PDB file of all heavy atoms in Angstrom:
ATOM      1  N   ASP A   1       5.377  -2.694  19.860  1.00  0.00           N
ATOM      2  CA  ASP A   1       4.046  -3.003  19.347  1.00  0.00           C
ATOM      3  C   ASP A   1       2.975  -2.912  20.425  1.00  0.00           C
ATOM      4  O   ASP A   1       1.808  -2.645  20.128  1.00  0.00           O
ATOM      5  CB  ASP A   1       4.015  -4.401  18.715  1.00  0.00           C
ATOM      6  CG  ASP A   1       4.773  -4.464  17.405  1.00  0.00           C
ATOM      7  OD1 ASP A   1       4.803  -3.449  16.681  1.00  0.00           O
ATOM      8  OD2 ASP A   1       5.349  -5.537  17.106  1.00  0.00           O
ATOM      9  N   TRP A   2       3.341  -3.147  21.678  1.00  0.00           N
ATOM     10  CA  TRP A   2       2.339  -3.158  22.762  1.00  0.00           C
ATOM     11  C   TRP A   2       1.833  -1.750  23.083  1.00  0.00           C
ATOM     12  O   TRP A   2       0.768  -1.615  23.708  1.00  0.00           O
ATOM     13  CB  TRP A   2       2.905  -3.815  24.021  1.00  0.00           C
ATOM     14  CG  TRP A   2       3.492  -5.168  23.784  1.00  0.00           C
ATOM     15  CD1 TRP A   2       4.755  -5.578  24.108  1.00  0.00           C
ATOM     16  CD2 TRP A   2       2.867  -6.298  23.155  1.00  0.00           C
ATOM     17  NE1 TRP A   2       4.953  -6.875  23.720  1.00  0.00           N
ATOM     18  CE2 TRP A   2       3.797  -7.347  23.139  1.00  0.00           C
ATOM     19  CE3 TRP A   2       1.595  -6.516  22.607  1.00  0.00           C
ATOM     20  CZ2 TRP A   2       3.524  -8.594  22.590  1.00  0.00           C
ATOM     21  CZ3 TRP A   2       1.317  -7.757  22.050  1.00  0.00           C
ATOM     22  CH2 TRP A   2       2.260  -8.780  22.049  1.00  0.00           C
ATOM     23  N   THR A   3       2.539  -0.722  22.666  1.00  0.00           N
ATOM     24  CA  THR A   3       2.119   0.656  22.951  1.00  0.00           C
ATOM     25  C   THR A   3       1.775   1.439  21.688  1.00  0.00           C
ATOM     26  O   THR A   3       1.514   2.633  21.755  1.00  0.00           O
ATOM     27  CB  THR A   3       3.222   1.408  23.716  1.00  0.00           C
ATOM     28  OG1 THR A   3       4.446   1.362  22.969  1.00  0.00           O
ATOM     29  CG2 THR A   3       3.452   0.790  25.094  1.00  0.00           C
ATOM     30  N   GLU A   4       1.731   0.765  20.558  1.00  0.00           N
ATOM     31  CA  GLU A   4       1.583   1.451  19.278  1.00  0.00           C
ATOM     32  C   GLU A   4       0.116   1.676  18.897  1.00  0.00           C
ATOM     33  O   GLU A   4      -0.731   0.810  19.091  1.00  0.00           O
ATOM     34  CB  GLU A   4       2.263   0.631  18.181  1.00  0.00           C
ATOM     35  CG  GLU A   4       2.308   1.293  16.815  1.00  0.00           C
ATOM     36  CD  GLU A   4       3.245   2.477  16.763  1.00  0.00           C
ATOM     37  OE1 GLU A   4       4.235   2.501  17.529  1.00  0.00           O
ATOM     38  OE2 GLU A   4       2.983   3.396  15.971  1.00  0.00           O
ATOM     39  N   GLU A   5      -0.194   2.854  18.361  1.00  0.00           N
ATOM     40  CA  GLU A   5      -1.458   3.107  17.683  1.00  0.00           C
ATOM     41  C   GLU A   5      -1.191   2.951  16.192  1.00  0.00           C
ATOM     42  O   GLU A   5      -0.621   3.836  15.563  1.00  0.00           O
ATOM     43  CB  GLU A   5      -2.002   4.508  17.992  1.00  0.00           C
ATOM     44  CG  GLU A   5      -3.357   4.771  17.345  1.00  0.00           C
ATOM     45  CD  GLU A   5      -3.874   6.186  17.562  1.00  0.00           C
ATOM     46  OE1 GLU A   5      -3.038   7.118  17.645  1.00  0.00           O
ATOM     47  OE2 GLU A   5      -5.094   6.370  17.661  1.00  0.00           O
ATOM     48  N   PHE A   6      -1.608   1.826  15.605  1.00  0.00           N
ATOM     49  CA  PHE A   6      -1.235   1.516  14.232  1.00  0.00           C
ATOM     50  C   PHE A   6      -2.019   2.338  13.205  1.00  0.00           C
ATOM     51  O   PHE A   6      -1.477   2.716  12.176  1.00  0.00           O
ATOM     52  CB  PHE A   6      -1.431   0.023  13.960  1.00  0.00           C
ATOM     53  CG  PHE A   6      -0.599  -0.879  14.834  1.00  0.00           C
ATOM     54  CD1 PHE A   6      -1.195  -1.699  15.781  1.00  0.00           C
ATOM     55  CD2 PHE A   6       0.773  -0.904  14.711  1.00  0.00           C
ATOM     56  CE1 PHE A   6      -0.441  -2.529  16.589  1.00  0.00           C
ATOM     57  CE2 PHE A   6       1.557  -1.732  15.518  1.00  0.00           C
ATOM     58  CZ  PHE A   6       0.937  -2.542  16.471  1.00  0.00           C
ATOM     59  N   LEU A   7      -3.314   2.559  13.464  1.00  0.00           N
ATOM     60  CA  LEU A   7      -4.178   3.231  12.483  1.00  0.00           C
ATOM     61  C   LEU A   7      -4.057   2.570  11.115  1.00  0.00           C
ATOM     62  O   LEU A   7      -4.035   3.223  10.072  1.00  0.00           O
ATOM     63  CB  LEU A   7      -3.848   4.728  12.395  1.00  0.00           C
ATOM     64  CG  LEU A   7      -4.060   5.548  13.674  1.00  0.00           C
ATOM     65  CD1 LEU A   7      -3.527   6.968  13.501  1.00  0.00           C
ATOM     66  CD2 LEU A   7      -5.528   5.566  14.085  1.00  0.00           C
ATOM     67  N   ALA A   8      -4.007   1.244  11.123  1.00  0.00           N
ATOM     68  CA  ALA A   8      -3.764   0.463   9.915  1.00  0.00           C
ATOM     69  C   ALA A   8      -4.214  -0.972  10.173  1.00  0.00           C
ATOM     70  O   ALA A   8      -4.498  -1.348  11.322  1.00  0.00           O
ATOM     71  CB  ALA A   8      -2.272   0.500   9.560  1.00  0.00           C
ATOM     72  N   PRO A   9      -4.307  -1.809   9.137  1.00  0.00           N
ATOM     73  CA  PRO A   9      -4.688  -3.219   9.340  1.00  0.00           C
ATOM     74  C   PRO A   9      -3.564  -4.033   9.979  1.00  0.00           C
ATOM     75  O   PRO A   9      -3.008  -4.953   9.374  1.00  0.00           O
ATOM     76  CB  PRO A   9      -5.043  -3.697   7.928  1.00  0.00           C
ATOM     77  CG  PRO A   9      -4.313  -2.785   7.027  1.00  0.00           C
ATOM     78  CD  PRO A   9      -4.226  -1.458   7.707  1.00  0.00           C
ATOM     79  N   ILE A  10      -3.243  -3.679  11.191  1.00  0.00           N
ATOM     80  CA  ILE A  10      -2.216  -4.340  11.999  1.00  0.00           C
ATOM     81  C   ILE A  10      -2.765  -4.454  13.418  1.00  0.00           C
ATOM     82  O   ILE A  10      -3.379  -3.514  13.923  1.00  0.00           O
ATOM     83  CB  ILE A  10      -0.900  -3.521  12.040  1.00  0.00           C
ATOM     84  CG1 ILE A  10      -0.354  -3.280  10.638  1.00  0.00           C
ATOM     85  CG2 ILE A  10       0.140  -4.208  12.918  1.00  0.00           C
ATOM     86  CD1 ILE A  10       0.780  -2.260  10.604  1.00  0.00           C
ATOM     87  N   ILE A  11      -2.547  -5.597  14.074  1.00  0.00           N
ATOM     88  CA  ILE A  11      -2.975  -5.751  15.456  1.00  0.00           C
ATOM     89  C   ILE A  11      -1.908  -6.511  16.235  1.00  0.00           C
ATOM     90  O   ILE A  11      -1.267  -7.427  15.705  1.00  0.00           O
ATOM     91  CB  ILE A  11      -4.340  -6.481  15.551  1.00  0.00           C
ATOM     92  CG1 ILE A  11      -4.925  -6.369  16.962  1.00  0.00           C
ATOM     93  CG2 ILE A  11      -4.237  -7.945  15.097  1.00  0.00           C
ATOM     94  CD1 ILE A  11      -6.382  -6.804  17.058  1.00  0.00           C
ATOM     95  N   ALA A  12      -1.677  -6.109  17.463  1.00  0.00           N
ATOM     96  CA  ALA A  12      -0.762  -6.806  18.360  1.00  0.00           C
ATOM     97  C   ALA A  12      -1.567  -7.830  19.162  1.00  0.00           C
ATOM     98  O   ALA A  12      -2.644  -7.523  19.662  1.00  0.00           O
ATOM     99  CB  ALA A  12      -0.069  -5.819  19.290  1.00  0.00           C
ATOM    100  N   ILE A  13      -1.043  -9.058  19.271  1.00  0.00           N
ATOM    101  CA  ILE A  13      -1.760 -10.139  19.958  1.00  0.00           C
ATOM    102  C   ILE A  13      -0.861 -10.737  21.032  1.00  0.00           C
ATOM    103  O   ILE A  13       0.297 -11.092  20.765  1.00  0.00           O
ATOM    104  CB  ILE A  13      -2.203 -11.246  18.980  1.00  0.00           C
ATOM    105  CG1 ILE A  13      -3.097 -10.660  17.883  1.00  0.00           C
ATOM    106  CG2 ILE A  13      -2.925 -12.367  19.716  1.00  0.00           C
ATOM    107  CD1 ILE A  13      -3.523 -11.662  16.830  1.00  0.00           C
ATOM    108  N   LYS A  14      -1.416 -10.861  22.241  1.00  0.00           N
ATOM    109  CA  LYS A  14      -0.646 -11.417  23.352  1.00  0.00           C
ATOM    110  C   LYS A  14      -1.512 -12.378  24.161  1.00  0.00           C
ATOM    111  O   LYS A  14      -2.660 -12.072  24.486  1.00  0.00           O
ATOM    112  CB  LYS A  14      -0.131 -10.300  24.261  1.00  0.00           C
ATOM    113  CG  LYS A  14       0.818 -10.780  25.362  1.00  0.00           C
ATOM    114  CD  LYS A  14       1.432  -9.597  26.107  1.00  0.00           C
ATOM    115  CE  LYS A  14       2.527 -10.070  27.062  1.00  0.00           C
ATOM    116  NZ  LYS A  14       3.207  -8.930  27.722  1.00  0.00           N
ATOM    117  N   VAL A  15      -0.953 -13.520  24.484  1.00  0.00           N
ATOM    118  CA  VAL A  15      -1.589 -14.455  25.407  1.00  0.00           C
ATOM    119  C   VAL A  15      -1.161 -14.073  26.821  1.00  0.00           C
ATOM    120  O   VAL A  15       0.038 -13.924  27.092  1.00  0.00           O
ATOM    121  CB  VAL A  15      -1.193 -15.911  25.088  1.00  0.00           C
ATOM    122  CG1 VAL A  15      -1.711 -16.854  26.164  1.00  0.00           C
ATOM    123  CG2 VAL A  15      -1.750 -16.311  23.714  1.00  0.00           C
ATOM    124  N   VAL A  16      -2.144 -13.886  27.702  1.00  0.00           N
ATOM    125  CA  VAL A  16      -1.852 -13.434  29.066  1.00  0.00           C
ATOM    126  C   VAL A  16      -2.336 -14.473  30.069  1.00  0.00           C
ATOM    127  O   VAL A  16      -3.306 -15.200  29.832  1.00  0.00           O
ATOM    128  CB  VAL A  16      -2.509 -12.070  29.368  1.00  0.00           C
ATOM    129  CG1 VAL A  16      -1.877 -10.971  28.522  1.00  0.00           C
ATOM    130  CG2 VAL A  16      -4.011 -12.108  29.145  1.00  0.00           C
ATOM    131  N   ASP A  17      -1.669 -14.496  31.190  1.00  0.00           N
ATOM    132  CA  ASP A  17      -1.964 -15.485  32.232  1.00  0.00           C
ATOM    133  C   ASP A  17      -3.018 -14.963  33.198  1.00  0.00           C
ATOM    134  O   ASP A  17      -2.722 -14.609  34.341  1.00  0.00           O
ATOM    135  CB  ASP A  17      -0.683 -15.855  32.972  1.00  0.00           C
ATOM    136  CG  ASP A  17      -0.876 -17.038  33.922  1.00  0.00           C
ATOM    137  OD1 ASP A  17      -1.862 -17.796  33.746  1.00  0.00           O
ATOM    138  OD2 ASP A  17      -0.041 -17.212  34.830  1.00  0.00           O
ATOM    139  N   GLY A  18      -4.253 -14.861  32.711  1.00  0.00           N
ATOM    140  CA  GLY A  18      -5.371 -14.522  33.581  1.00  0.00           C
ATOM    141  C   GLY A  18      -5.707 -13.043  33.611  1.00  0.00           C
ATOM    142  O   GLY A  18      -5.048 -12.193  32.994  1.00  0.00           O
ATOM    143  N   LEU A  19      -6.744 -12.737  34.387  1.00  0.00           N
ATOM    144  CA  LEU A  19      -7.291 -11.385  34.473  1.00  0.00           C
ATOM    145  C   LEU A  19      -6.289 -10.391  35.038  1.00  0.00           C
ATOM    146  O   LEU A  19      -6.162  -9.266  34.542  1.00  0.00           O
ATOM    147  CB  LEU A  19      -8.565 -11.401  35.323  1.00  0.00           C
ATOM    148  CG  LEU A  19      -9.265 -10.060  35.539  1.00  0.00           C
ATOM    149  CD1 LEU A  19      -9.731  -9.456  34.227  1.00  0.00           C
ATOM    150  CD2 LEU A  19     -10.457 -10.240  36.496  1.00  0.00           C
ATOM    151  N   ASP A  20      -5.572 -10.774  36.088  1.00  0.00           N
ATOM    152  CA  ASP A  20      -4.603  -9.864  36.701  1.00  0.00           C
ATOM    153  C   ASP A  20      -3.544  -9.427  35.693  1.00  0.00           C
ATOM    154  O   ASP A  20      -3.178  -8.253  35.626  1.00  0.00           O
ATOM    155  CB  ASP A  20      -3.927 -10.521  37.909  1.00  0.00           C
ATOM    156  CG  ASP A  20      -4.854 -10.611  39.119  1.00  0.00           C
ATOM    157  OD1 ASP A  20      -5.725  -9.728  39.269  1.00  0.00           O
ATOM    158  OD2 ASP A  20      -4.722 -11.555  39.907  1.00  0.00           O
ATOM    159  N   ALA A  21      -3.059 -10.391  34.914  1.00  0.00           N
ATOM    160  CA  ALA A  21      -2.036 -10.076  33.907  1.00  0.00           C
ATOM    161  C   ALA A  21      -2.598  -9.172  32.819  1.00  0.00           C
ATOM    162  O   ALA A  21      -1.900  -8.281  32.321  1.00  0.00           O
ATOM    163  CB  ALA A  21      -1.486 -11.364  33.304  1.00  0.00           C
ATOM    164  N   ALA A  22      -3.863  -9.393  32.443  1.00  0.00           N
ATOM    165  CA  ALA A  22      -4.494  -8.553  31.424  1.00  0.00           C
ATOM    166  C   ALA A  22      -4.618  -7.117  31.912  1.00  0.00           C
ATOM    167  O   ALA A  22      -4.284  -6.166  31.193  1.00  0.00           O
ATOM    168  CB  ALA A  22      -5.865  -9.119  31.062  1.00  0.00           C
ATOM    169  N   ILE A  23      -5.102  -6.954  33.137  1.00  0.00           N
ATOM    170  CA  ILE A  23      -5.262  -5.611  33.704  1.00  0.00           C
ATOM    171  C   ILE A  23      -3.908  -4.919  33.825  1.00  0.00           C
ATOM    172  O   ILE A  23      -3.762  -3.739  33.487  1.00  0.00           O
ATOM    173  CB  ILE A  23      -5.980  -5.683  35.067  1.00  0.00           C
ATOM    174  CG1 ILE A  23      -7.435  -6.132  34.866  1.00  0.00           C
ATOM    175  CG2 ILE A  23      -5.932  -4.325  35.781  1.00  0.00           C
ATOM    176  CD1 ILE A  23      -8.173  -6.426  36.159  1.00  0.00           C
ATOM    177  N   ASP A  24      -2.906  -5.660  34.272  1.00  0.00           N
ATOM    178  CA  ASP A  24      -1.567  -5.080  34.421  1.00  0.00           C
ATOM    179  C   ASP A  24      -1.005  -4.650  33.072  1.00  0.00           C
ATOM    180  O   ASP A  24      -0.434  -3.561  32.948  1.00  0.00           O
ATOM    181  CB  ASP A  24      -0.634  -6.094  35.085  1.00  0.00           C
ATOM    182  CG  ASP A  24       0.764  -5.527  35.299  1.00  0.00           C
ATOM    183  OD1 ASP A  24       0.917  -4.586  36.108  1.00  0.00           O
ATOM    184  OD2 ASP A  24       1.714  -6.022  34.654  1.00  0.00           O
ATOM    185  N   HIS A  25      -1.187  -5.491  32.049  1.00  0.00           N
ATOM    186  CA  HIS A  25      -0.691  -5.145  30.720  1.00  0.00           C
ATOM    187  C   HIS A  25      -1.381  -3.885  30.193  1.00  0.00           C
ATOM    188  O   HIS A  25      -0.716  -2.977  29.678  1.00  0.00           O
ATOM    189  CB  HIS A  25      -0.931  -6.303  29.747  1.00  0.00           C
ATOM    190  CG  HIS A  25      -0.486  -6.000  28.343  1.00  0.00           C
ATOM    191  ND1 HIS A  25       0.787  -6.279  27.877  1.00  0.00           N
ATOM    192  CD2 HIS A  25      -1.142  -5.419  27.299  1.00  0.00           C
ATOM    193  CE1 HIS A  25       0.888  -5.881  26.612  1.00  0.00           C
ATOM    194  NE2 HIS A  25      -0.270  -5.369  26.235  1.00  0.00           N
ATOM    195  N   ILE A  26      -2.693  -3.832  30.326  1.00  0.00           N
ATOM    196  CA  ILE A  26      -3.446  -2.668  29.829  1.00  0.00           C
ATOM    197  C   ILE A  26      -3.028  -1.395  30.564  1.00  0.00           C
ATOM    198  O   ILE A  26      -2.752  -0.367  29.939  1.00  0.00           O
ATOM    199  CB  ILE A  26      -4.962  -2.913  29.959  1.00  0.00           C
ATOM    200  CG1 ILE A  26      -5.397  -4.011  28.990  1.00  0.00           C
ATOM    201  CG2 ILE A  26      -5.737  -1.624  29.694  1.00  0.00           C
ATOM    202  CD1 ILE A  26      -6.817  -4.502  29.208  1.00  0.00           C
TER     203      ILE A  26
END
């Protein structure tokens, strides 16, 4: 789900531990 392009009413949601984790995930 973290790498999927859904093109549909679906969204992946993740709680991340700060800015560094967000940038790393993206």
